[in-house]
Amino acid sequence: MWEEKLIIYDALVAKCSRFQRKGKTMPYTSANGYMFSLLNKAGEIGIRFSKEVQAKYLQEFNTTHYKSYGATMQGYVLIPETMLADLDKLAMYLDESYDYVMTLEPK
């Protein structure tokens, strides 16, 4: 199951030309010193957004906060399974997340 989700995650990231996937055992994307998406051990994808956008997407996607290693990841939204079928649309959200972290003070 995790390997199948890794294939989906890699395909998603490949649709976005401004960044690349990092991490061997815990795949993630980062820019400007901030992680903004990751695939956890349960095969779940989380994407980071601003507080305002996160609140909107939690409702719109009918989902919850993203967890990794048992900890709630502040700012991250759990991407529901149903959204994984439309990688083009999901890539738009991932690009939006990239744009968000690029507005933050560099680490």
PDB file of N, CA and C in Angstrom:
ATOM      1  N   MET A   1       0.817  -1.199   0.000  1.00  0.00           N
ATOM      2  CA  MET A   1       0.000   0.000   0.000  1.00  0.00           C
ATOM      3  C   MET A   1       0.861   1.264   0.000  1.00  0.00           C
ATOM      4  N   TRP A   2       1.886   1.324   0.876  1.00  0.00           N
ATOM      5  CA  TRP A   2       2.740   2.508   0.937  1.00  0.00           C
ATOM      6  C   TRP A   2       3.444   2.728  -0.395  1.00  0.00           C
ATOM      7  N   GLU A   3       3.900   1.650  -1.011  1.00  0.00           N
ATOM      8  CA  GLU A   3       4.599   1.765  -2.289  1.00  0.00           C
ATOM      9  C   GLU A   3       3.676   2.338  -3.366  1.00  0.00           C
ATOM     10  N   GLU A   4       2.399   1.940  -3.338  1.00  0.00           N
ATOM     11  CA  GLU A   4       1.429   2.479  -4.298  1.00  0.00           C
ATOM     12  C   GLU A   4       1.243   3.981  -4.086  1.00  0.00           C
ATOM     13  N   LYS A   5       1.185   4.389  -2.830  1.00  0.00           N
ATOM     14  CA  LYS A   5       1.028   5.814  -2.526  1.00  0.00           C
ATOM     15  C   LYS A   5       2.287   6.600  -2.895  1.00  0.00           C
ATOM     16  N   LEU A   6       3.439   5.967  -2.762  1.00  0.00           N
ATOM     17  CA  LEU A   6       4.685   6.621  -3.170  1.00  0.00           C
ATOM     18  C   LEU A   6       4.668   6.900  -4.673  1.00  0.00           C
ATOM     19  N   ILE A   7       4.173   5.960  -5.449  1.00  0.00           N
ATOM     20  CA  ILE A   7       4.061   6.153  -6.902  1.00  0.00           C
ATOM     21  C   ILE A   7       3.141   7.337  -7.201  1.00  0.00           C
ATOM     22  N   ILE A   8       2.028   7.415  -6.493  1.00  0.00           N
ATOM     23  CA  ILE A   8       1.086   8.533  -6.676  1.00  0.00           C
ATOM     24  C   ILE A   8       1.739   9.850  -6.265  1.00  0.00           C
ATOM     25  N   TYR A   9       2.416   9.850  -5.119  1.00  0.00           N
ATOM     26  CA  TYR A   9       3.072  11.065  -4.629  1.00  0.00           C
ATOM     27  C   TYR A   9       4.142  11.531  -5.615  1.00  0.00           C
ATOM     28  N   ASP A  10       4.944  10.595  -6.102  1.00  0.00           N
ATOM     29  CA  ASP A  10       5.977  10.948  -7.080  1.00  0.00           C
ATOM     30  C   ASP A  10       5.360  11.517  -8.356  1.00  0.00           C
ATOM     31  N   ALA A  11       4.260  10.925  -8.805  1.00  0.00           N
ATOM     32  CA  ALA A  11       3.579  11.420 -10.010  1.00  0.00           C
ATOM     33  C   ALA A  11       3.024  12.825  -9.769  1.00  0.00           C
ATOM     34  N   LEU A  12       2.503  13.056  -8.573  1.00  0.00           N
ATOM     35  CA  LEU A  12       1.985  14.375  -8.213  1.00  0.00           C
ATOM     36  C   LEU A  12       3.100  15.417  -8.254  1.00  0.00           C
ATOM     37  N   VAL A  13       4.199  15.136  -7.578  1.00  0.00           N
ATOM     38  CA  VAL A  13       5.310  16.090  -7.520  1.00  0.00           C
ATOM     39  C   VAL A  13       5.891  16.324  -8.915  1.00  0.00           C
ATOM     40  N   ALA A  14       5.924  15.291  -9.744  1.00  0.00           N
ATOM     41  CA  ALA A  14       6.459  15.419 -11.103  1.00  0.00           C
ATOM     42  C   ALA A  14       5.645  16.395 -11.951  1.00  0.00           C
ATOM     43  N   LYS A  15       4.394  16.621 -11.596  1.00  0.00           N
ATOM     44  CA  LYS A  15       3.540  17.560 -12.335  1.00  0.00           C
ATOM     45  C   LYS A  15       3.878  19.020 -12.013  1.00  0.00           C
ATOM     46  N   CYS A  16       4.690  19.226 -10.997  1.00  0.00           N
ATOM     47  CA  CYS A  16       5.042  20.577 -10.548  1.00  0.00           C
ATOM     48  C   CYS A  16       6.517  20.828 -10.866  1.00  0.00           C
ATOM     49  N   SER A  17       6.784  21.739 -11.780  1.00  0.00           N
ATOM     50  CA  SER A  17       8.145  21.921 -12.294  1.00  0.00           C
ATOM     51  C   SER A  17       9.054  22.783 -11.416  1.00  0.00           C
ATOM     52  N   ARG A  18       8.516  23.458 -10.413  1.00  0.00           N
ATOM     53  CA  ARG A  18       9.333  24.394  -9.626  1.00  0.00           C
ATOM     54  C   ARG A  18      10.057  23.762  -8.443  1.00  0.00           C
ATOM     55  N   PHE A  19       9.817  22.497  -8.175  1.00  0.00           N
ATOM     56  CA  PHE A  19      10.461  21.826  -7.045  1.00  0.00           C
ATOM     57  C   PHE A  19      10.518  20.333  -7.314  1.00  0.00           C
ATOM     58  N   GLN A  20      11.296  19.629  -6.484  1.00  0.00           N
ATOM     59  CA  GLN A  20      11.456  18.186  -6.635  1.00  0.00           C
ATOM     60  C   GLN A  20      11.191  17.493  -5.308  1.00  0.00           C
ATOM     61  N   ARG A  21      10.912  16.192  -5.409  1.00  0.00           N
ATOM     62  CA  ARG A  21      10.746  15.390  -4.198  1.00  0.00           C
ATOM     63  C   ARG A  21      12.103  15.177  -3.558  1.00  0.00           C
ATOM     64  N   LYS A  22      12.121  15.179  -2.242  1.00  0.00           N
ATOM     65  CA  LYS A  22      13.321  14.901  -1.461  1.00  0.00           C
ATOM     66  C   LYS A  22      13.006  13.758  -0.511  1.00  0.00           C
ATOM     67  N   GLY A  23      14.031  13.262   0.159  1.00  0.00           N
ATOM     68  CA  GLY A  23      13.847  12.228   1.167  1.00  0.00           C
ATOM     69  C   GLY A  23      13.775  10.833   0.595  1.00  0.00           C
ATOM     70  N   LYS A  24      14.507   9.916   1.214  1.00  0.00           N
ATOM     71  CA  LYS A  24      14.494   8.522   0.761  1.00  0.00           C
ATOM     72  C   LYS A  24      13.486   7.694   1.542  1.00  0.00           C
ATOM     73  N   THR A  25      13.508   7.796   2.860  1.00  0.00           N
ATOM     74  CA  THR A  25      12.586   6.992   3.669  1.00  0.00           C
ATOM     75  C   THR A  25      11.304   7.746   4.007  1.00  0.00           C
ATOM     76  N   MET A  26      11.364   9.076   4.023  1.00  0.00           N
ATOM     77  CA  MET A  26      10.178   9.896   4.248  1.00  0.00           C
ATOM     78  C   MET A  26      10.110  10.940   3.135  1.00  0.00           C
ATOM     79  N   PRO A  27       9.420  10.639   2.045  1.00  0.00           N
ATOM     80  CA  PRO A  27       9.356  11.565   0.919  1.00  0.00           C
ATOM     81  C   PRO A  27       8.676  12.880   1.304  1.00  0.00           C
ATOM     82  N   TYR A  28       9.253  13.988   0.838  1.00  0.00           N
ATOM     83  CA  TYR A  28       8.696  15.301   1.140  1.00  0.00           C
ATOM     84  C   TYR A  28       9.123  16.301   0.076  1.00  0.00           C
ATOM     85  N   THR A  29       8.505  17.474   0.113  1.00  0.00           N
ATOM     86  CA  THR A  29       8.953  18.605  -0.689  1.00  0.00           C
ATOM     87  C   THR A  29       9.254  19.748   0.264  1.00  0.00           C
ATOM     88  N   SER A  30      10.227  20.560  -0.117  1.00  0.00           N
ATOM     89  CA  SER A  30      10.548  21.729   0.694  1.00  0.00           C
ATOM     90  C   SER A  30      11.059  22.844  -0.200  1.00  0.00           C
ATOM     91  N   ALA A  31      10.899  24.060   0.294  1.00  0.00           N
ATOM     92  CA  ALA A  31      11.399  25.249  -0.391  1.00  0.00           C
ATOM     93  C   ALA A  31      11.539  26.352   0.644  1.00  0.00           C
ATOM     94  N   ASN A  32      12.514  27.213   0.445  1.00  0.00           N
ATOM     95  CA  ASN A  32      12.685  28.361   1.328  1.00  0.00           C
ATOM     96  C   ASN A  32      12.961  27.934   2.774  1.00  0.00           C
ATOM     97  N   GLY A  33      13.406  26.689   2.957  1.00  0.00           N
ATOM     98  CA  GLY A  33      13.697  26.176   4.290  1.00  0.00           C
ATOM     99  C   GLY A  33      12.516  25.537   4.999  1.00  0.00           C
ATOM    100  N   TYR A  34      11.391  25.370   4.309  1.00  0.00           N
ATOM    101  CA  TYR A  34      10.173  24.818   4.905  1.00  0.00           C
ATOM    102  C   TYR A  34       9.683  23.604   4.120  1.00  0.00           C
ATOM    103  N   MET A  35       9.323  22.549   4.839  1.00  0.00           N
ATOM    104  CA  MET A  35       8.624  21.443   4.188  1.00  0.00           C
ATOM    105  C   MET A  35       7.210  21.924   3.880  1.00  0.00           C
ATOM    106  N   PHE A  36       6.667  21.463   2.743  1.00  0.00           N
ATOM    107  CA  PHE A  36       5.289  21.854   2.440  1.00  0.00           C
ATOM    108  C   PHE A  36       4.427  20.702   1.960  1.00  0.00           C
ATOM    109  N   SER A  37       4.994  19.526   1.822  1.00  0.00           N
ATOM    110  CA  SER A  37       4.181  18.324   1.599  1.00  0.00           C
ATOM    111  C   SER A  37       4.999  17.125   2.033  1.00  0.00           C
ATOM    112  N   LEU A  38       4.303  16.054   2.400  1.00  0.00           N
ATOM    113  CA  LEU A  38       5.003  14.826   2.740  1.00  0.00           C
ATOM    114  C   LEU A  38       4.073  13.631   2.668  1.00  0.00           C
ATOM    115  N   LEU A  39       4.705  12.486   2.585  1.00  0.00           N
ATOM    116  CA  LEU A  39       4.014  11.199   2.571  1.00  0.00           C
ATOM    117  C   LEU A  39       4.431  10.472   3.839  1.00  0.00           C
ATOM    118  N   ASN A  40       3.461  10.165   4.715  1.00  0.00           N
ATOM    119  CA  ASN A  40       3.813   9.507   5.976  1.00  0.00           C
ATOM    120  C   ASN A  40       3.857   7.985   5.825  1.00  0.00           C
ATOM    121  N   LYS A  41       4.207   7.310   6.899  1.00  0.00           N
ATOM    122  CA  LYS A  41       4.343   5.844   6.876  1.00  0.00           C
ATOM    123  C   LYS A  41       3.020   5.138   6.621  1.00  0.00           C
ATOM    124  N   ALA A  42       1.911   5.815   6.890  1.00  0.00           N
ATOM    125  CA  ALA A  42       0.586   5.236   6.637  1.00  0.00           C
ATOM    126  C   ALA A  42       0.158   5.415   5.180  1.00  0.00           C
ATOM    127  N   GLY A  43       1.009   6.070   4.376  1.00  0.00           N
ATOM    128  CA  GLY A  43       0.675   6.291   2.974  1.00  0.00           C
ATOM    129  C   GLY A  43      -0.267   7.457   2.757  1.00  0.00           C
ATOM    130  N   GLU A  44      -0.300   8.384   3.712  1.00  0.00           N
ATOM    131  CA  GLU A  44      -1.171   9.554   3.608  1.00  0.00           C
ATOM    132  C   GLU A  44      -0.351  10.767   3.165  1.00  0.00           C
ATOM    133  N   ILE A  45      -0.961  11.590   2.333  1.00  0.00           N
ATOM    134  CA  ILE A  45      -0.304  12.800   1.843  1.00  0.00           C
ATOM    135  C   ILE A  45      -0.837  14.001   2.606  1.00  0.00           C
ATOM    136  N   GLY A  46       0.075  14.842   3.046  1.00  0.00           N
ATOM    137  CA  GLY A  46      -0.288  16.089   3.701  1.00  0.00           C
ATOM    138  C   GLY A  46       0.305  17.257   2.945  1.00  0.00           C
ATOM    139  N   ILE A  47      -0.460  18.336   2.827  1.00  0.00           N
ATOM    140  CA  ILE A  47      -0.001  19.547   2.152  1.00  0.00           C
ATOM    141  C   ILE A  47      -0.207  20.729   3.092  1.00  0.00           C
ATOM    142  N   ARG A  48       0.798  21.600   3.141  1.00  0.00           N
ATOM    143  CA  ARG A  48       0.794  22.744   4.053  1.00  0.00           C
ATOM    144  C   ARG A  48       0.169  23.975   3.392  1.00  0.00           C
ATOM    145  N   PHE A  49      -0.644  24.682   4.177  1.00  0.00           N
ATOM    146  CA  PHE A  49      -1.281  25.912   3.709  1.00  0.00           C
ATOM    147  C   PHE A  49      -1.247  26.958   4.818  1.00  0.00           C
ATOM    148  N   SER A  50      -1.549  28.195   4.465  1.00  0.00           N
ATOM    149  CA  SER A  50      -1.696  29.242   5.478  1.00  0.00           C
ATOM    150  C   SER A  50      -2.879  28.883   6.379  1.00  0.00           C
ATOM    151  N   LYS A  51      -2.959  29.513   7.535  1.00  0.00           N
ATOM    152  CA  LYS A  51      -4.050  29.206   8.472  1.00  0.00           C
ATOM    153  C   LYS A  51      -5.418  29.434   7.842  1.00  0.00           C
ATOM    154  N   GLU A  52      -5.557  30.528   7.106  1.00  0.00           N
ATOM    155  CA  GLU A  52      -6.843  30.852   6.489  1.00  0.00           C
ATOM    156  C   GLU A  52      -7.219  29.818   5.427  1.00  0.00           C
ATOM    157  N   VAL A  53      -6.271  29.500   4.574  1.00  0.00           N
ATOM    158  CA  VAL A  53      -6.530  28.532   3.504  1.00  0.00           C
ATOM    159  C   VAL A  53      -6.738  27.139   4.095  1.00  0.00           C
ATOM    160  N   GLN A  54      -5.970  26.812   5.124  1.00  0.00           N
ATOM    161  CA  GLN A  54      -6.122  25.511   5.778  1.00  0.00           C
ATOM    162  C   GLN A  54      -7.544  25.353   6.309  1.00  0.00           C
ATOM    163  N   ALA A  55      -8.058  26.357   6.990  1.00  0.00           N
ATOM    164  CA  ALA A  55      -9.418  26.286   7.540  1.00  0.00           C
ATOM    165  C   ALA A  55     -10.439  26.078   6.423  1.00  0.00           C
ATOM    166  N   LYS A  56     -10.247  26.776   5.321  1.00  0.00           N
ATOM    167  CA  LYS A  56     -11.148  26.646   4.168  1.00  0.00           C
ATOM    168  C   LYS A  56     -11.099  25.230   3.600  1.00  0.00           C
ATOM    169  N   TYR A  57      -9.895  24.705   3.403  1.00  0.00           N
ATOM    170  CA  TYR A  57      -9.749  23.384   2.788  1.00  0.00           C
ATOM    171  C   TYR A  57     -10.159  22.243   3.719  1.00  0.00           C
ATOM    172  N   LEU A  58     -10.006  22.416   5.015  1.00  0.00           N
ATOM    173  CA  LEU A  58     -10.473  21.384   5.943  1.00  0.00           C
ATOM    174  C   LEU A  58     -11.963  21.146   5.735  1.00  0.00           C
ATOM    175  N   GLN A  59     -12.709  22.223   5.535  1.00  0.00           N
ATOM    176  CA  GLN A  59     -14.155  22.104   5.282  1.00  0.00           C
ATOM    177  C   GLN A  59     -14.432  21.631   3.863  1.00  0.00           C
ATOM    178  N   GLU A  60     -13.792  22.294   2.900  1.00  0.00           N
ATOM    179  CA  GLU A  60     -14.052  21.997   1.487  1.00  0.00           C
ATOM    180  C   GLU A  60     -13.717  20.547   1.127  1.00  0.00           C
ATOM    181  N   PHE A  61     -12.614  20.040   1.677  1.00  0.00           N
ATOM    182  CA  PHE A  61     -12.185  18.670   1.381  1.00  0.00           C
ATOM    183  C   PHE A  61     -12.830  17.647   2.316  1.00  0.00           C
ATOM    184  N   ASN A  62     -13.581  18.138   3.327  1.00  0.00           N
ATOM    185  CA  ASN A  62     -14.183  17.262   4.335  1.00  0.00           C
ATOM    186  C   ASN A  62     -13.122  16.335   4.933  1.00  0.00           C
ATOM    187  N   THR A  63     -12.075  16.955   5.458  1.00  0.00           N
ATOM    188  CA  THR A  63     -10.932  16.200   5.964  1.00  0.00           C
ATOM    189  C   THR A  63     -10.504  16.748   7.314  1.00  0.00           C
ATOM    190  N   THR A  64      -9.321  16.383   7.737  1.00  0.00           N
ATOM    191  CA  THR A  64      -8.815  16.762   9.044  1.00  0.00           C
ATOM    192  C   THR A  64      -7.361  17.201   8.926  1.00  0.00           C
ATOM    193  N   HIS A  65      -6.774  17.517  10.074  1.00  0.00           N
ATOM    194  CA  HIS A  65      -5.360  17.873  10.106  1.00  0.00           C
ATOM    195  C   HIS A  65      -4.525  16.630   9.809  1.00  0.00           C
ATOM    196  N   TYR A  66      -3.376  16.844   9.226  1.00  0.00           N
ATOM    197  CA  TYR A  66      -2.469  15.763   8.839  1.00  0.00           C
ATOM    198  C   TYR A  66      -1.624  15.337  10.034  1.00  0.00           C
ATOM    199  N   LYS A  67      -1.408  14.042  10.149  1.00  0.00           N
ATOM    200  CA  LYS A  67      -0.569  13.503  11.219  1.00  0.00           C
ATOM    201  C   LYS A  67       0.572  12.698  10.623  1.00  0.00           C
ATOM    202  N   SER A  68       1.716  12.815  11.253  1.00  0.00           N
ATOM    203  CA  SER A  68       2.879  12.029  10.856  1.00  0.00           C
ATOM    204  C   SER A  68       3.592  11.593  12.125  1.00  0.00           C
ATOM    205  N   TYR A  69       3.899  10.326  12.218  1.00  0.00           N
ATOM    206  CA  TYR A  69       4.528   9.747  13.413  1.00  0.00           C
ATOM    207  C   TYR A  69       3.724  10.070  14.674  1.00  0.00           C
ATOM    208  N   GLY A  70       2.403  10.094  14.545  1.00  0.00           N
ATOM    209  CA  GLY A  70       1.520  10.305  15.682  1.00  0.00           C
ATOM    210  C   GLY A  70       1.331  11.755  16.095  1.00  0.00           C
ATOM    211  N   ALA A  71       2.050  12.665  15.461  1.00  0.00           N
ATOM    212  CA  ALA A  71       1.945  14.083  15.820  1.00  0.00           C
ATOM    213  C   ALA A  71       1.142  14.836  14.765  1.00  0.00           C
ATOM    214  N   THR A  72       0.278  15.734  15.233  1.00  0.00           N
ATOM    215  CA  THR A  72      -0.467  16.585  14.310  1.00  0.00           C
ATOM    216  C   THR A  72       0.483  17.626  13.738  1.00  0.00           C
ATOM    217  N   MET A  73       0.516  17.713  12.424  1.00  0.00           N
ATOM    218  CA  MET A  73       1.396  18.655  11.734  1.00  0.00           C
ATOM    219  C   MET A  73       0.632  19.967  11.533  1.00  0.00           C
ATOM    220  N   GLN A  74       1.010  20.978  12.295  1.00  0.00           N
ATOM    221  CA  GLN A  74       0.337  22.272  12.215  1.00  0.00           C
ATOM    222  C   GLN A  74       0.477  22.860  10.814  1.00  0.00           C
ATOM    223  N   GLY A  75      -0.635  23.320  10.276  1.00  0.00           N
ATOM    224  CA  GLY A  75      -0.635  23.929   8.961  1.00  0.00           C
ATOM    225  C   GLY A  75      -0.872  22.960   7.819  1.00  0.00           C
ATOM    226  N   TYR A  76      -0.884  21.667   8.126  1.00  0.00           N
ATOM    227  CA  TYR A  76      -1.038  20.657   7.072  1.00  0.00           C
ATOM    228  C   TYR A  76      -2.457  20.107   7.028  1.00  0.00           C
ATOM    229  N   VAL A  77      -2.918  19.837   5.811  1.00  0.00           N
ATOM    230  CA  VAL A  77      -4.231  19.250   5.570  1.00  0.00           C
ATOM    231  C   VAL A  77      -4.026  17.834   5.055  1.00  0.00           C
ATOM    232  N   LEU A  78      -4.776  16.888   5.604  1.00  0.00           N
ATOM    233  CA  LEU A  78      -4.760  15.512   5.113  1.00  0.00           C
ATOM    234  C   LEU A  78      -5.516  15.471   3.791  1.00  0.00           C
ATOM    235  N   ILE A  79      -4.868  14.987   2.749  1.00  0.00           N
ATOM    236  CA  ILE A  79      -5.507  14.889   1.436  1.00  0.00           C
ATOM    237  C   ILE A  79      -6.325  13.598   1.398  1.00  0.00           C
ATOM    238  N   PRO A  80      -7.637  13.716   1.218  1.00  0.00           N
ATOM    239  CA  PRO A  80      -8.491  12.519   1.203  1.00  0.00           C
ATOM    240  C   PRO A  80      -8.178  11.609   0.013  1.00  0.00           C
ATOM    241  N   GLU A  81      -8.408  10.326   0.214  1.00  0.00           N
ATOM    242  CA  GLU A  81      -8.191   9.321  -0.839  1.00  0.00           C
ATOM    243  C   GLU A  81      -8.895   9.695  -2.137  1.00  0.00           C
ATOM    244  N   THR A  82     -10.100  10.231  -2.024  1.00  0.00           N
ATOM    245  CA  THR A  82     -10.888  10.547  -3.220  1.00  0.00           C
ATOM    246  C   THR A  82     -10.211  11.590  -4.102  1.00  0.00           C
ATOM    247  N   MET A  83      -9.370  12.426  -3.522  1.00  0.00           N
ATOM    248  CA  MET A  83      -8.701  13.467  -4.302  1.00  0.00           C
ATOM    249  C   MET A  83      -7.496  12.945  -5.073  1.00  0.00           C
ATOM    250  N   LEU A  84      -7.019  11.761  -4.729  1.00  0.00           N
ATOM    251  CA  LEU A  84      -5.821  11.222  -5.370  1.00  0.00           C
ATOM    252  C   LEU A  84      -6.061  10.807  -6.814  1.00  0.00           C
ATOM    253  N   ALA A  85      -7.316  10.700  -7.213  1.00  0.00           N
ATOM    254  CA  ALA A  85      -7.642  10.298  -8.584  1.00  0.00           C
ATOM    255  C   ALA A  85      -7.429  11.430  -9.586  1.00  0.00           C
ATOM    256  N   ASP A  86      -7.393  12.678  -9.114  1.00  0.00           N
ATOM    257  CA  ASP A  86      -7.233  13.830 -10.007  1.00  0.00           C
ATOM    258  C   ASP A  86      -5.925  14.547  -9.678  1.00  0.00           C
ATOM    259  N   LEU A  87      -4.824  14.019 -10.203  1.00  0.00           N
ATOM    260  CA  LEU A  87      -3.513  14.582  -9.882  1.00  0.00           C
ATOM    261  C   LEU A  87      -3.313  15.974 -10.466  1.00  0.00           C
ATOM    262  N   ASP A  88      -3.971  16.284 -11.573  1.00  0.00           N
ATOM    263  CA  ASP A  88      -3.841  17.629 -12.135  1.00  0.00           C
ATOM    264  C   ASP A  88      -4.397  18.671 -11.166  1.00  0.00           C
ATOM    265  N   LYS A  89      -5.556  18.398 -10.613  1.00  0.00           N
ATOM    266  CA  LYS A  89      -6.157  19.321  -9.641  1.00  0.00           C
ATOM    267  C   LYS A  89      -5.321  19.359  -8.363  1.00  0.00           C
ATOM    268  N   LEU A  90      -4.874  18.202  -7.920  1.00  0.00           N
ATOM    269  CA  LEU A  90      -4.060  18.135  -6.710  1.00  0.00           C
ATOM    270  C   LEU A  90      -2.742  18.890  -6.896  1.00  0.00           C
ATOM    271  N   ALA A  91      -2.197  18.859  -8.102  1.00  0.00           N
ATOM    272  CA  ALA A  91      -0.964  19.596  -8.395  1.00  0.00           C
ATOM    273  C   ALA A  91      -1.179  21.098  -8.233  1.00  0.00           C
ATOM    274  N   MET A  92      -2.372  21.575  -8.518  1.00  0.00           N
ATOM    275  CA  MET A  92      -2.675  22.996  -8.317  1.00  0.00           C
ATOM    276  C   MET A  92      -2.591  23.345  -6.830  1.00  0.00           C
ATOM    277  N   TYR A  93      -3.076  22.454  -5.973  1.00  0.00           N
ATOM    278  CA  TYR A  93      -2.993  22.690  -4.528  1.00  0.00           C
ATOM    279  C   TYR A  93      -1.543  22.628  -4.045  1.00  0.00           C
ATOM    280  N   LEU A  94      -0.770  21.715  -4.616  1.00  0.00           N
ATOM    281  CA  LEU A  94       0.634  21.610  -4.224  1.00  0.00           C
ATOM    282  C   LEU A  94       1.401  22.858  -4.665  1.00  0.00           C
ATOM    283  N   ASP A  95       1.110  23.362  -5.853  1.00  0.00           N
ATOM    284  CA  ASP A  95       1.721  24.620  -6.301  1.00  0.00           C
ATOM    285  C   ASP A  95       1.307  25.781  -5.400  1.00  0.00           C
ATOM    286  N   GLU A  96       0.059  25.781  -4.963  1.00  0.00           N
ATOM    287  CA  GLU A  96      -0.418  26.818  -4.044  1.00  0.00           C
ATOM    288  C   GLU A  96       0.362  26.760  -2.732  1.00  0.00           C
ATOM    289  N   SER A  97       0.642  25.561  -2.260  1.00  0.00           N
ATOM    290  CA  SER A  97       1.407  25.377  -1.037  1.00  0.00           C
ATOM    291  C   SER A  97       2.835  25.899  -1.209  1.00  0.00           C
ATOM    292  N   TYR A  98       3.437  25.596  -2.351  1.00  0.00           N
ATOM    293  CA  TYR A  98       4.781  26.106  -2.657  1.00  0.00           C
ATOM    294  C   TYR A  98       4.776  27.635  -2.629  1.00  0.00           C
ATOM    295  N   ASP A  99       3.798  28.230  -3.291  1.00  0.00           N
ATOM    296  CA  ASP A  99       3.696  29.690  -3.308  1.00  0.00           C
ATOM    297  C   ASP A  99       3.595  30.240  -1.886  1.00  0.00           C
ATOM    298  N   TYR A 100       2.848  29.546  -1.026  1.00  0.00           N
ATOM    299  CA  TYR A 100       2.700  29.985   0.364  1.00  0.00           C
ATOM    300  C   TYR A 100       4.044  29.973   1.095  1.00  0.00           C
ATOM    301  N   VAL A 101       4.785  28.874   1.042  1.00  0.00           N
ATOM    302  CA  VAL A 101       6.046  28.821   1.797  1.00  0.00           C
ATOM    303  C   VAL A 101       7.074  29.802   1.248  1.00  0.00           C
ATOM    304  N   MET A 102       6.946  30.167  -0.012  1.00  0.00           N
ATOM    305  CA  MET A 102       7.867  31.151  -0.583  1.00  0.00           C
ATOM    306  C   MET A 102       7.584  32.563  -0.064  1.00  0.00           C
ATOM    307  N   THR A 103       6.421  32.774   0.559  1.00  0.00           N
ATOM    308  CA  THR A 103       6.118  34.079   1.159  1.00  0.00           C
ATOM    309  C   THR A 103       6.642  34.178   2.590  1.00  0.00           C
ATOM    310  N   LEU A 104       7.043  33.052   3.175  1.00  0.00           N
ATOM    311  CA  LEU A 104       7.531  33.039   4.555  1.00  0.00           C
ATOM    312  C   LEU A 104       8.981  33.521   4.606  1.00  0.00           C
ATOM    313  N   GLU A 105       9.377  34.011   5.768  1.00  0.00           N
ATOM    314  CA  GLU A 105      10.765  34.416   5.980  1.00  0.00           C
ATOM    315  C   GLU A 105      11.665  33.194   5.788  1.00  0.00           C
ATOM    316  N   PRO A 106      12.699  33.292   4.947  1.00  0.00           N
ATOM    317  CA  PRO A 106      13.555  32.113   4.710  1.00  0.00           C
ATOM    318  C   PRO A 106      14.201  31.613   5.995  1.00  0.00           C
ATOM    319  N   LYS A 107      14.333  30.298   6.089  1.00  0.00           N
ATOM    320  CA  LYS A 107      14.999  29.692   7.257  1.00  0.00           C
ATOM    321  C   LYS A 107      16.471  29.538   6.961  1.00  0.00           C
TER     322      LYS A 107
END
